[in-house]
């Protein structure tokens, strides 16, 4: 059964914030995902800013009128 919890890394040891339903000496698989890393949030903000500027530079307007329904059916 998978469990999700937060932990604090101190002096080379991961200390879970809550109790874990594990037996003594049980092997587990860890996936480490930092949750308070300032550089990650800065990278995320920079990526978001690039996305917003890219969207702002896009041209969503047609240069010609939309085809009529009859014209669309003639193509098929």
PDB file of N, CA and C in Angstrom:
ATOM      1  N   UNK A   1       0.844  -1.180   0.000  1.00  0.00           N
ATOM      2  CA  UNK A   1       0.000   0.000   0.000  1.00  0.00           C
ATOM      3  C   UNK A   1       0.886   1.239   0.000  1.00  0.00           C
ATOM      4  N   UNK A   2       0.660   2.152  -0.933  1.00  0.00           N
ATOM      5  CA  UNK A   2       1.444   3.382  -1.031  1.00  0.00           C
ATOM      6  C   UNK A   2       0.995   4.385   0.025  1.00  0.00           C
ATOM      7  N   UNK A   3       1.959   5.126   0.534  1.00  0.00           N
ATOM      8  CA  UNK A   3       1.689   6.180   1.494  1.00  0.00           C
ATOM      9  C   UNK A   3       2.370   7.450   1.002  1.00  0.00           C
ATOM     10  N   UNK A   4       1.742   8.576   1.219  1.00  0.00           N
ATOM     11  CA  UNK A   4       2.347   9.857   0.869  1.00  0.00           C
ATOM     12  C   UNK A   4       2.460  10.670   2.144  1.00  0.00           C
ATOM     13  N   UNK A   5       3.651  11.164   2.413  1.00  0.00           N
ATOM     14  CA  UNK A   5       3.879  11.985   3.592  1.00  0.00           C
ATOM     15  C   UNK A   5       4.982  12.973   3.285  1.00  0.00           C
ATOM     16  N   UNK A   6       5.122  13.962   4.098  1.00  0.00           N
ATOM     17  CA  UNK A   6       6.219  14.913   3.962  1.00  0.00           C
ATOM     18  C   UNK A   6       7.282  14.557   4.984  1.00  0.00           C
ATOM     19  N   UNK A   7       8.533  14.914   4.672  1.00  0.00           N
ATOM     20  CA  UNK A   7       9.639  14.631   5.572  1.00  0.00           C
ATOM     21  C   UNK A   7      10.601  15.810   5.542  1.00  0.00           C
ATOM     22  N   UNK A   8      11.430  15.880   6.556  1.00  0.00           N
ATOM     23  CA  UNK A   8      12.458  16.912   6.638  1.00  0.00           C
ATOM     24  C   UNK A   8      13.809  16.208   6.603  1.00  0.00           C
ATOM     25  N   UNK A   9      14.711  16.714   5.758  1.00  0.00           N
ATOM     26  CA  UNK A   9      16.044  16.149   5.621  1.00  0.00           C
ATOM     27  C   UNK A   9      16.992  16.922   6.528  1.00  0.00           C
ATOM     28  N   UNK A  10      17.528  16.248   7.563  1.00  0.00           N
ATOM     29  CA  UNK A  10      18.403  16.893   8.526  1.00  0.00           C
ATOM     30  C   UNK A  10      19.600  15.995   8.805  1.00  0.00           C
ATOM     31  N   UNK A  11      20.789  16.532   8.633  1.00  0.00           N
ATOM     32  CA  UNK A  11      22.032  15.806   8.924  1.00  0.00           C
ATOM     33  C   UNK A  11      22.063  14.440   8.236  1.00  0.00           C
ATOM     34  N   UNK A  12      21.633  14.384   6.981  1.00  0.00           N
ATOM     35  CA  UNK A  12      21.698  13.150   6.211  1.00  0.00           C
ATOM     36  C   UNK A  12      20.598  12.152   6.499  1.00  0.00           C
ATOM     37  N   UNK A  13      19.584  12.548   7.273  1.00  0.00           N
ATOM     38  CA  UNK A  13      18.500  11.630   7.640  1.00  0.00           C
ATOM     39  C   UNK A  13      17.161  12.243   7.253  1.00  0.00           C
ATOM     40  N   UNK A  14      16.310  11.450   6.604  1.00  0.00           N
ATOM     41  CA  UNK A  14      14.942  11.875   6.308  1.00  0.00           C
ATOM     42  C   UNK A  14      14.064  11.568   7.512  1.00  0.00           C
ATOM     43  N   UNK A  15      13.391  12.587   8.021  1.00  0.00           N
ATOM     44  CA  UNK A  15      12.519  12.409   9.179  1.00  0.00           C
ATOM     45  C   UNK A  15      11.080  12.665   8.754  1.00  0.00           C
ATOM     46  N   UNK A  16      10.247  11.605   8.645  1.00  0.00           N
ATOM     47  CA  UNK A  16       8.846  11.789   8.251  1.00  0.00           C
ATOM     48  C   UNK A  16       8.105  12.639   9.275  1.00  0.00           C
ATOM     49  N   UNK A  17       7.165  13.444   8.796  1.00  0.00           N
ATOM     50  CA  UNK A  17       6.384  14.289   9.702  1.00  0.00           C
ATOM     51  C   UNK A  17       5.264  13.521  10.380  1.00  0.00           C
ATOM     52  N   UNK A  18       4.887  12.365   9.843  1.00  0.00           N
ATOM     53  CA  UNK A  18       3.833  11.560  10.460  1.00  0.00           C
ATOM     54  C   UNK A  18       4.293  10.127  10.653  1.00  0.00           C
ATOM     55  N   UNK A  19       3.452   9.342  11.295  1.00  0.00           N
ATOM     56  CA  UNK A  19       3.756   7.931  11.484  1.00  0.00           C
ATOM     57  C   UNK A  19       3.574   7.177  10.173  1.00  0.00           C
ATOM     58  N   UNK A  20       4.412   6.177   9.955  1.00  0.00           N
ATOM     59  CA  UNK A  20       4.325   5.348   8.762  1.00  0.00           C
ATOM     60  C   UNK A  20       3.880   3.950   9.152  1.00  0.00           C
ATOM     61  N   UNK A  21       2.990   3.385   8.372  1.00  0.00           N
ATOM     62  CA  UNK A  21       2.500   2.028   8.637  1.00  0.00           C
ATOM     63  C   UNK A  21       3.476   1.028   8.020  1.00  0.00           C
ATOM     64  N   UNK A  22       4.626   0.866   8.669  1.00  0.00           N
ATOM     65  CA  UNK A  22       5.675  -0.044   8.194  1.00  0.00           C
ATOM     66  C   UNK A  22       6.143  -0.930   9.339  1.00  0.00           C
ATOM     67  N   UNK A  23       6.559  -2.129   8.976  1.00  0.00           N
ATOM     68  CA  UNK A  23       7.138  -2.988  10.010  1.00  0.00           C
ATOM     69  C   UNK A  23       8.626  -2.650  10.137  1.00  0.00           C
ATOM     70  N   UNK A  24       9.228  -3.000  11.227  1.00  0.00           N
ATOM     71  CA  UNK A  24      10.636  -2.718  11.479  1.00  0.00           C
ATOM     72  C   UNK A  24      11.509  -3.353  10.390  1.00  0.00           C
ATOM     73  N   UNK A  25      12.462  -2.612   9.884  1.00  0.00           N
ATOM     74  CA  UNK A  25      13.431  -3.044   8.870  1.00  0.00           C
ATOM     75  C   UNK A  25      12.791  -3.348   7.512  1.00  0.00           C
ATOM     76  N   UNK A  26      11.591  -2.851   7.249  1.00  0.00           N
ATOM     77  CA  UNK A  26      10.941  -3.076   5.961  1.00  0.00           C
ATOM     78  C   UNK A  26      11.608  -2.214   4.903  1.00  0.00           C
ATOM     79  N   UNK A  27      11.863  -2.815   3.732  1.00  0.00           N
ATOM     80  CA  UNK A  27      12.435  -2.065   2.607  1.00  0.00           C
ATOM     81  C   UNK A  27      11.323  -1.270   1.927  1.00  0.00           C
ATOM     82  N   UNK A  28      11.648  -0.044   1.506  1.00  0.00           N
ATOM     83  CA  UNK A  28      10.679   0.814   0.836  1.00  0.00           C
ATOM     84  C   UNK A  28      11.342   1.484  -0.360  1.00  0.00           C
ATOM     85  N   UNK A  29      10.537   2.019  -1.260  1.00  0.00           N
ATOM     86  CA  UNK A  29      11.032   2.799  -2.397  1.00  0.00           C
ATOM     87  C   UNK A  29      10.652   4.246  -2.136  1.00  0.00           C
ATOM     88  N   UNK A  30      11.630   5.139  -2.267  1.00  0.00           N
ATOM     89  CA  UNK A  30      11.390   6.564  -2.039  1.00  0.00           C
ATOM     90  C   UNK A  30      11.461   7.325  -3.346  1.00  0.00           C
ATOM     91  N   UNK A  31      10.557   8.250  -3.527  1.00  0.00           N
ATOM     92  CA  UNK A  31      10.621   9.212  -4.619  1.00  0.00           C
ATOM     93  C   UNK A  31      10.700  10.577  -3.959  1.00  0.00           C
ATOM     94  N   UNK A  32      11.806  11.261  -4.169  1.00  0.00           N
ATOM     95  CA  UNK A  32      12.044  12.528  -3.481  1.00  0.00           C
ATOM     96  C   UNK A  32      11.618  13.687  -4.385  1.00  0.00           C
ATOM     97  N   UNK A  33      10.755  14.534  -3.866  1.00  0.00           N
ATOM     98  CA  UNK A  33      10.274  15.708  -4.594  1.00  0.00           C
ATOM     99  C   UNK A  33      10.328  16.902  -3.649  1.00  0.00           C
ATOM    100  N   UNK A  34      11.301  17.821  -3.847  1.00  0.00           N
ATOM    101  CA  UNK A  34      11.387  18.983  -2.962  1.00  0.00           C
ATOM    102  C   UNK A  34      10.103  19.813  -3.040  1.00  0.00           C
ATOM    103  N   UNK A  35       9.636  20.301  -1.896  1.00  0.00           N
ATOM    104  CA  UNK A  35       8.401  21.081  -1.891  1.00  0.00           C
ATOM    105  C   UNK A  35       8.610  22.535  -1.500  1.00  0.00           C
ATOM    106  N   UNK A  36       9.825  22.893  -1.050  1.00  0.00           N
ATOM    107  CA  UNK A  36      10.026  24.286  -0.654  1.00  0.00           C
ATOM    108  C   UNK A  36      11.317  24.848  -1.235  1.00  0.00           C
ATOM    109  N   UNK A  37      11.742  24.355  -2.361  1.00  0.00           N
ATOM    110  CA  UNK A  37      12.965  24.813  -2.998  1.00  0.00           C
ATOM    111  C   UNK A  37      12.710  26.122  -3.729  1.00  0.00           C
ATOM    112  N   UNK A  38      13.385  27.188  -3.340  1.00  0.00           N
ATOM    113  CA  UNK A  38      13.148  28.505  -3.933  1.00  0.00           C
ATOM    114  C   UNK A  38      13.576  28.553  -5.392  1.00  0.00           C
ATOM    115  N   UNK A  39      14.639  27.841  -5.770  1.00  0.00           N
ATOM    116  CA  UNK A  39      15.081  27.882  -7.162  1.00  0.00           C
ATOM    117  C   UNK A  39      14.053  27.212  -8.061  1.00  0.00           C
ATOM    118  N   UNK A  40      13.391  26.164  -7.572  1.00  0.00           N
ATOM    119  CA  UNK A  40      12.367  25.501  -8.380  1.00  0.00           C
ATOM    120  C   UNK A  40      11.204  26.443  -8.644  1.00  0.00           C
ATOM    121  N   UNK A  41      10.777  27.181  -7.620  1.00  0.00           N
ATOM    122  CA  UNK A  41       9.668  28.102  -7.823  1.00  0.00           C
ATOM    123  C   UNK A  41      10.078  29.236  -8.754  1.00  0.00           C
ATOM    124  N   UNK A  42      11.346  29.655  -8.716  1.00  0.00           N
ATOM    125  CA  UNK A  42      11.827  30.677  -9.640  1.00  0.00           C
ATOM    126  C   UNK A  42      11.839  30.164 -11.067  1.00  0.00           C
ATOM    127  N   UNK A  43      12.276  28.917 -11.273  1.00  0.00           N
ATOM    128  CA  UNK A  43      12.269  28.316 -12.605  1.00  0.00           C
ATOM    129  C   UNK A  43      10.844  28.181 -13.112  1.00  0.00           C
ATOM    130  N   UNK A  44       9.942  27.798 -12.237  1.00  0.00           N
ATOM    131  CA  UNK A  44       8.542  27.636 -12.611  1.00  0.00           C
ATOM    132  C   UNK A  44       7.945  28.977 -13.023  1.00  0.00           C
ATOM    133  N   UNK A  45       8.271  30.018 -12.278  1.00  0.00           N
ATOM    134  CA  UNK A  45       7.760  31.357 -12.607  1.00  0.00           C
ATOM    135  C   UNK A  45       8.334  31.838 -13.932  1.00  0.00           C
ATOM    136  N   UNK A  46       9.615  31.578 -14.186  1.00  0.00           N
ATOM    137  CA  UNK A  46      10.222  31.979 -15.453  1.00  0.00           C
ATOM    138  C   UNK A  46       9.563  31.244 -16.618  1.00  0.00           C
ATOM    139  N   UNK A  47       9.280  29.955 -16.447  1.00  0.00           N
ATOM    140  CA  UNK A  47       8.613  29.191 -17.507  1.00  0.00           C
ATOM    141  C   UNK A  47       7.208  29.729 -17.745  1.00  0.00           C
ATOM    142  N   UNK A  48       6.504  30.076 -16.681  1.00  0.00           N
ATOM    143  CA  UNK A  48       5.161  30.630 -16.810  1.00  0.00           C
ATOM    144  C   UNK A  48       5.206  31.978 -17.538  1.00  0.00           C
ATOM    145  N   UNK A  49       6.196  32.794 -17.221  1.00  0.00           N
ATOM    146  CA  UNK A  49       6.337  34.092 -17.888  1.00  0.00           C
ATOM    147  C   UNK A  49       6.617  33.913 -19.375  1.00  0.00           C
ATOM    148  N   UNK A  50       7.476  32.932 -19.732  1.00  0.00           N
ATOM    149  CA  UNK A  50       7.748  32.664 -21.145  1.00  0.00           C
ATOM    150  C   UNK A  50       6.485  32.203 -21.856  1.00  0.00           C
ATOM    151  N   UNK A  51       5.694  31.353 -21.201  1.00  0.00           N
ATOM    152  CA  UNK A  51       4.444  30.878 -21.787  1.00  0.00           C
ATOM    153  C   UNK A  51       3.488  32.037 -22.042  1.00  0.00           C
ATOM    154  N   UNK A  52       3.319  32.906 -21.062  1.00  0.00           N
ATOM    155  CA  UNK A  52       2.417  34.042 -21.212  1.00  0.00           C
ATOM    156  C   UNK A  52       2.862  34.990 -22.322  1.00  0.00           C
ATOM    157  N   UNK A  53       4.178  35.240 -22.426  1.00  0.00           N
ATOM    158  CA  UNK A  53       4.644  36.128 -23.497  1.00  0.00           C
ATOM    159  C   UNK A  53       4.478  35.466 -24.858  1.00  0.00           C
ATOM    160  N   UNK A  54       4.658  34.155 -24.944  1.00  0.00           N
ATOM    161  CA  UNK A  54       4.439  33.452 -26.199  1.00  0.00           C
ATOM    162  C   UNK A  54       2.990  33.504 -26.630  1.00  0.00           C
ATOM    163  N   UNK A  55       2.095  33.323 -25.693  1.00  0.00           N
ATOM    164  CA  UNK A  55       0.658  33.403 -25.999  1.00  0.00           C
ATOM    165  C   UNK A  55       0.291  34.815 -26.430  1.00  0.00           C
ATOM    166  N   UNK A  56       0.850  35.817 -25.764  1.00  0.00           N
ATOM    167  CA  UNK A  56       0.551  37.205 -26.117  1.00  0.00           C
ATOM    168  C   UNK A  56       1.032  37.530 -27.538  1.00  0.00           C
ATOM    169  N   UNK A  57       2.102  36.865 -27.985  1.00  0.00           N
ATOM    170  CA  UNK A  57       2.642  37.135 -29.319  1.00  0.00           C
ATOM    171  C   UNK A  57       1.891  36.395 -30.421  1.00  0.00           C
ATOM    172  N   UNK A  58       1.036  35.442 -30.062  1.00  0.00           N
ATOM    173  CA  UNK A  58       0.302  34.679 -31.072  1.00  0.00           C
ATOM    174  C   UNK A  58      -0.795  35.526 -31.714  1.00  0.00           C
ATOM    175  N   UNK A  59      -1.057  35.232 -32.974  1.00  0.00           N
ATOM    176  CA  UNK A  59      -2.092  35.940 -33.720  1.00  0.00           C
ATOM    177  C   UNK A  59      -3.274  34.994 -33.897  1.00  0.00           C
ATOM    178  N   UNK A  60      -4.338  35.230 -33.157  1.00  0.00           N
ATOM    179  CA  UNK A  60      -5.496  34.353 -33.180  1.00  0.00           C
ATOM    180  C   UNK A  60      -6.592  34.836 -34.129  1.00  0.00           C
ATOM    181  N   UNK A  61      -6.331  35.844 -34.913  1.00  0.00           N
ATOM    182  CA  UNK A  61      -7.358  36.410 -35.768  1.00  0.00           C
ATOM    183  C   UNK A  61      -7.199  35.899 -37.196  1.00  0.00           C
ATOM    184  N   UNK A  62      -8.319  35.626 -37.848  1.00  0.00           N
ATOM    185  CA  UNK A  62      -8.306  35.158 -39.231  1.00  0.00           C
ATOM    186  C   UNK A  62      -8.048  36.324 -40.172  1.00  0.00           C
ATOM    187  N   UNK A  63      -7.378  36.036 -41.255  1.00  0.00           N
ATOM    188  CA  UNK A  63      -7.106  37.060 -42.252  1.00  0.00           C
ATOM    189  C   UNK A  63      -8.165  37.049 -43.358  1.00  0.00           C
ATOM    190  N   UNK A  64      -9.017  36.056 -43.335  1.00  0.00           N
ATOM    191  CA  UNK A  64     -10.086  35.956 -44.335  1.00  0.00           C
ATOM    192  C   UNK A  64     -11.354  35.482 -43.634  1.00  0.00           C
ATOM    193  N   UNK A  65     -12.510  35.659 -44.238  1.00  0.00           N
ATOM    194  CA  UNK A  65     -13.752  35.228 -43.581  1.00  0.00           C
ATOM    195  C   UNK A  65     -13.834  33.700 -43.496  1.00  0.00           C
ATOM    196  N   UNK A  66     -14.585  33.236 -42.516  1.00  0.00           N
ATOM    197  CA  UNK A  66     -14.799  31.795 -42.374  1.00  0.00           C
ATOM    198  C   UNK A  66     -15.602  31.268 -43.561  1.00  0.00           C
ATOM    199  N   UNK A  67     -15.325  30.038 -43.982  1.00  0.00           N
ATOM    200  CA  UNK A  67     -16.121  29.477 -45.075  1.00  0.00           C
ATOM    201  C   UNK A  67     -17.565  29.243 -44.611  1.00  0.00           C
ATOM    202  N   UNK A  68     -18.488  29.344 -45.557  1.00  0.00           N
ATOM    203  CA  UNK A  68     -19.888  29.104 -45.225  1.00  0.00           C
ATOM    204  C   UNK A  68     -20.114  27.613 -45.022  1.00  0.00           C
ATOM    205  N   UNK A  69     -21.268  27.276 -44.493  1.00  0.00           N
ATOM    206  CA  UNK A  69     -21.609  25.873 -44.294  1.00  0.00           C
ATOM    207  C   UNK A  69     -21.662  25.132 -45.628  1.00  0.00           C
ATOM    208  N   UNK A  70     -22.223  25.773 -46.623  1.00  0.00           N
ATOM    209  CA  UNK A  70     -22.285  25.152 -47.952  1.00  0.00           C
ATOM    210  C   UNK A  70     -20.898  24.913 -48.531  1.00  0.00           C
ATOM    211  N   UNK A  71     -20.009  25.863 -48.330  1.00  0.00           N
ATOM    212  CA  UNK A  71     -18.648  25.706 -48.841  1.00  0.00           C
ATOM    213  C   UNK A  71     -17.939  24.555 -48.129  1.00  0.00           C
ATOM    214  N   UNK A  72     -18.191  24.398 -46.842  1.00  0.00           N
ATOM    215  CA  UNK A  72     -17.590  23.291 -46.104  1.00  0.00           C
ATOM    216  C   UNK A  72     -18.117  21.942 -46.617  1.00  0.00           C
ATOM    217  N   UNK A  73     -19.388  21.861 -46.906  1.00  0.00           N
ATOM    218  CA  UNK A  73     -19.974  20.605 -47.394  1.00  0.00           C
ATOM    219  C   UNK A  73     -19.513  20.280 -48.812  1.00  0.00           C
ATOM    220  N   UNK A  74     -19.205  21.307 -49.601  1.00  0.00           N
ATOM    221  CA  UNK A  74     -18.711  21.077 -50.965  1.00  0.00           C
ATOM    222  C   UNK A  74     -17.330  20.443 -50.946  1.00  0.00           C
ATOM    223  N   UNK A  75     -16.533  20.709 -49.912  1.00  0.00           N
ATOM    224  CA  UNK A  75     -15.185  20.154 -49.815  1.00  0.00           C
ATOM    225  C   UNK A  75     -15.190  18.664 -49.578  1.00  0.00           C
ATOM    226  N   UNK A  76     -16.196  18.164 -48.896  1.00  0.00           N
ATOM    227  CA  UNK A  76     -16.232  16.746 -48.524  1.00  0.00           C
ATOM    228  C   UNK A  76     -16.620  15.877 -49.631  1.00  0.00           C
TER     229      UNK A  76
END
